Amino acid sequence: PALQVVDSPRDVLIIGGGEGASLREVLADPRVERVTMVEIDEKLVKMCNEHLKPMHRGSFSSSKVEVIFSDGADFLKHAKANKYDLIVVDGIDYQDHSGYGNVLFSGDFYRAAHEALRDGGAYVQYMSHVERADLMLASGFDEAVSFTVDIPSFFGAGARFTVAGRQISEALSEKMMKGVQSAETSSWK
């Protein structure tokens, strides 16, 4: 849905998503020109690239893609301002009992993401079981919309996502609905 709210998603940053599914979906949009994927686990990407071809469908070999093996939070902290039209965070679940990976759910991380987005840009994150829309708003985003996708194989409440915008031209929920309706008739579904 985040691709639906960005008028011109030329430059996309994906943090995580080592199996390549988010990369595959981003590349399906013909408006995307460049994708930077930052994944902390190089061995995971190599294993998925070799053994999960139906998942990524060759996305790792696209000339539009640069894969960087690094910590996504650190990469984003040092990213140039106003560089990306869309940031996708396909990371791990939030851990109530451990700090590993929780930086992806922090105010500092959201402020860095907001800074790295161009005006009209969007941010989307798999949210695990937590709600961070208020923290995203406090970090500079103009609007944040959370939703759940019912996936029977996911334990609990399905998959939860939040989409946040930086100076989006109209309400996120309206743009997402228009985008979904447009995608139903588009050739890049």
Protein backbone atom coordinates (compact mmCIF):
# COMPACT_ATOMS: atom_id res chain seq x y z
CA PRO A 1 0.00 0.00 0.00
CA ALA A 2 2.86 2.43 0.56
CA LEU A 3 3.69 2.46 -3.16
CA GLN A 4 0.11 3.55 -3.74
CA VAL A 5 0.50 6.77 -1.75
CA VAL A 6 3.72 7.99 -3.37
CA ASP A 7 3.13 9.85 -6.62
CA SER A 8 6.57 9.09 -8.02
CA PRO A 9 8.42 6.32 -6.13
CA ARG A 10 11.70 6.47 -8.05
CA ASP A 11 14.12 5.82 -5.19
CA VAL A 12 13.24 3.15 -2.63
CA LEU A 13 15.06 1.97 0.48
CA ILE A 14 14.25 -1.47 1.91
CA ILE A 15 15.61 -2.31 5.35
CA GLY A 16 15.52 -6.05 6.01
CA GLY A 17 13.49 -8.35 3.81
CA GLY A 18 16.31 -10.80 3.24
CA GLU A 19 14.08 -13.37 1.52
CA GLY A 20 13.41 -10.91 -1.31
CA ALA A 21 9.59 -10.73 -1.24
CA SER A 22 9.45 -6.99 -0.46
CA LEU A 23 12.08 -6.38 -3.12
CA ARG A 24 10.03 -8.38 -5.64
CA GLU A 25 6.90 -6.35 -4.90
CA VAL A 26 8.70 -2.99 -5.08
CA LEU A 27 10.28 -3.91 -8.43
CA ALA A 28 6.84 -4.84 -9.81
CA ASP A 29 6.03 -1.11 -9.90
CA PRO A 30 7.41 0.27 -13.21
CA ARG A 31 7.82 3.75 -11.68
CA VAL A 32 10.63 2.49 -9.42
CA GLU A 33 14.06 3.31 -10.83
CA ARG A 34 16.43 2.42 -7.98
CA VAL A 35 16.18 0.20 -4.91
CA THR A 36 18.71 0.09 -2.11
CA MET A 37 18.21 -2.95 0.09
CA VAL A 38 20.03 -2.98 3.42
CA GLU A 39 20.12 -6.38 5.12
CA ILE A 40 22.20 -7.23 8.16
CA ASP A 41 22.43 -10.96 7.36
CA GLU A 42 24.44 -11.70 4.21
CA LYS A 43 24.19 -15.47 4.70
CA LEU A 44 20.39 -15.24 4.84
CA VAL A 45 20.26 -13.38 1.52
CA LYS A 46 22.62 -15.86 -0.14
CA MET A 47 20.59 -18.81 1.15
CA CYS A 48 17.29 -17.26 0.07
CA ASN A 49 18.68 -16.23 -3.31
CA GLU A 50 19.71 -19.83 -3.92
CA HIS A 51 16.83 -21.75 -2.35
CA LEU A 52 13.78 -19.46 -2.42
CA LYS A 53 13.66 -18.46 -6.07
CA PRO A 54 9.83 -18.62 -6.14
CA MET A 55 9.82 -16.07 -3.31
CA HIS A 56 12.11 -13.43 -4.84
CA ARG A 57 11.66 -14.36 -8.54
CA GLY A 58 15.13 -13.16 -9.49
CA SER A 59 14.77 -9.72 -7.89
CA PHE A 60 18.27 -9.75 -6.42
CA SER A 61 19.78 -9.71 -9.92
CA SER A 62 17.83 -6.67 -11.16
CA SER A 63 20.02 -3.85 -12.47
CA LYS A 64 17.86 -1.47 -10.40
CA VAL A 65 18.97 -3.08 -7.12
CA GLU A 66 21.92 -2.43 -4.85
CA VAL A 67 22.16 -4.79 -1.87
CA ILE A 68 24.19 -3.53 1.08
CA PHE A 69 25.04 -5.83 3.97
CA SER A 70 24.93 -3.60 7.01
CA ASP A 71 22.87 -2.67 10.04
CA GLY A 72 19.75 -0.93 8.70
CA ALA A 73 19.39 1.46 11.62
CA ASP A 74 23.01 2.57 11.30
CA PHE A 75 22.66 2.93 7.53
CA LEU A 76 19.55 5.09 7.91
CA LYS A 77 21.20 7.24 10.58
CA HIS A 78 23.90 8.17 8.04
CA ALA A 79 21.67 8.43 4.95
CA LYS A 80 21.49 11.69 3.03
CA ALA A 81 18.48 13.87 3.75
CA ASN A 82 15.64 13.85 1.20
CA LYS A 83 17.11 10.86 -0.67
CA TYR A 84 14.22 8.36 -0.83
CA ASP A 85 10.62 8.44 -2.01
CA LEU A 86 9.71 5.30 -0.08
CA ILE A 87 11.24 3.45 2.87
CA VAL A 88 10.09 -0.12 3.54
CA VAL A 89 11.08 -1.75 6.83
CA ASP A 90 10.64 -5.50 6.62
CA GLY A 91 12.37 -6.37 9.86
CA ILE A 92 12.01 -8.69 12.76
CA ASP A 93 9.28 -8.83 15.38
CA TYR A 94 9.48 -6.45 18.31
CA GLN A 95 10.83 -8.29 21.36
CA ASP A 96 9.27 -7.49 24.74
CA HIS A 97 12.02 -9.35 26.59
CA SER A 98 15.08 -8.40 24.50
CA GLY A 99 16.54 -5.33 22.89
CA TYR A 100 17.74 -7.02 19.69
CA GLY A 101 16.10 -5.37 16.70
CA ASN A 102 13.96 -3.04 18.80
CA VAL A 103 15.92 -0.05 17.47
CA LEU A 104 13.74 -0.41 14.35
CA PHE A 105 10.77 0.64 16.52
CA SER A 106 12.41 3.67 18.19
CA GLY A 107 11.87 7.40 17.92
CA ASP A 108 15.46 7.93 16.77
CA PHE A 109 14.92 5.46 13.94
CA TYR A 110 11.66 7.14 12.88
CA ARG A 111 13.30 10.60 12.95
CA ALA A 112 16.12 9.31 10.72
CA ALA A 113 13.56 7.79 8.33
CA HIS A 114 11.59 11.03 8.20
CA GLU A 115 14.78 12.96 7.46
CA ALA A 116 15.79 10.55 4.66
CA LEU A 117 12.41 10.83 2.90
CA ARG A 118 11.63 13.41 0.27
CA ASP A 119 8.46 15.50 0.60
CA GLY A 120 5.59 13.39 -0.71
CA GLY A 121 7.38 10.25 0.48
CA ALA A 122 6.05 7.36 2.54
CA TYR A 123 7.35 4.97 5.15
CA VAL A 124 5.92 1.50 5.79
CA GLN A 125 6.85 -0.96 8.49
CA TYR A 126 5.83 -4.43 9.54
CA MET A 127 4.81 -3.72 13.14
CA SER A 128 4.70 -7.10 14.84
CA HIS A 129 2.29 -6.72 17.76
CA VAL A 130 3.17 -3.11 18.67
CA GLU A 131 1.57 0.21 17.79
CA ARG A 132 3.96 3.07 16.98
CA ALA A 133 1.80 5.52 14.99
CA ASP A 134 1.96 8.13 17.77
CA LEU A 135 5.75 7.83 17.95
CA MET A 136 5.97 8.24 14.16
CA LEU A 137 3.88 11.41 14.37
CA ALA A 138 6.08 12.71 17.19
CA SER A 139 9.11 12.02 14.96
CA GLY A 140 7.89 14.38 12.24
CA PHE A 141 5.53 12.37 10.03
CA ASP A 142 2.32 14.22 9.10
CA GLU A 143 0.07 11.18 9.24
CA ALA A 144 0.30 7.51 10.17
CA VAL A 145 -2.24 4.79 9.41
CA SER A 146 -2.06 1.33 10.98
CA PHE A 147 -3.82 -1.72 9.61
CA THR A 148 -3.91 -5.49 9.91
CA VAL A 149 -3.86 -8.02 7.11
CA ASP A 150 -5.47 -11.31 8.05
CA ILE A 151 -3.00 -14.10 7.23
CA PRO A 152 -4.14 -17.51 8.50
CA SER A 153 -0.61 -18.86 8.90
CA PHE A 154 0.39 -15.96 11.19
CA PHE A 155 -0.17 -16.69 14.83
CA GLY A 156 -2.37 -14.16 16.63
CA ALA A 157 -3.67 -11.03 14.94
CA GLY A 158 -2.25 -11.49 11.45
CA ALA A 159 0.32 -9.10 10.02
CA ARG A 160 0.21 -5.51 11.27
CA PHE A 161 1.63 -2.60 9.27
CA THR A 162 1.86 1.15 9.65
CA VAL A 163 2.18 3.56 6.74
CA ALA A 164 3.38 7.09 7.52
CA GLY A 165 3.70 10.05 5.18
CA ARG A 166 5.87 13.10 4.82
CA GLN A 167 3.88 15.92 3.24
CA ILE A 168 1.60 13.60 1.25
CA SER A 169 -0.85 15.56 -0.91
CA GLU A 170 -3.99 13.97 0.55
CA ALA A 171 -5.04 11.67 3.39
CA LEU A 172 -3.11 8.38 3.39
CA SER A 173 -6.23 6.22 3.66
CA GLU A 174 -7.80 7.97 0.66
CA LYS A 175 -4.63 7.63 -1.42
CA MET A 176 -4.33 3.94 -0.49
CA MET A 177 -7.93 3.26 -1.57
CA LYS A 178 -7.43 5.10 -4.87
CA GLY A 179 -4.20 3.17 -5.41
CA VAL A 180 -5.84 -0.18 -4.73
CA GLN A 181 -8.69 0.66 -7.13
CA SER A 182 -6.20 1.77 -9.76
CA ALA A 183 -4.07 -1.36 -9.28
CA GLU A 184 -7.09 -3.54 -9.99
CA THR A 185 -7.01 -2.31 -13.59
CA SER A 186 -3.25 -1.86 -13.92
CA SER A 187 -0.86 -4.12 -15.79
CA TRP A 188 1.67 -4.13 -12.90
CA LYS A 189 -0.51 -5.81 -10.25
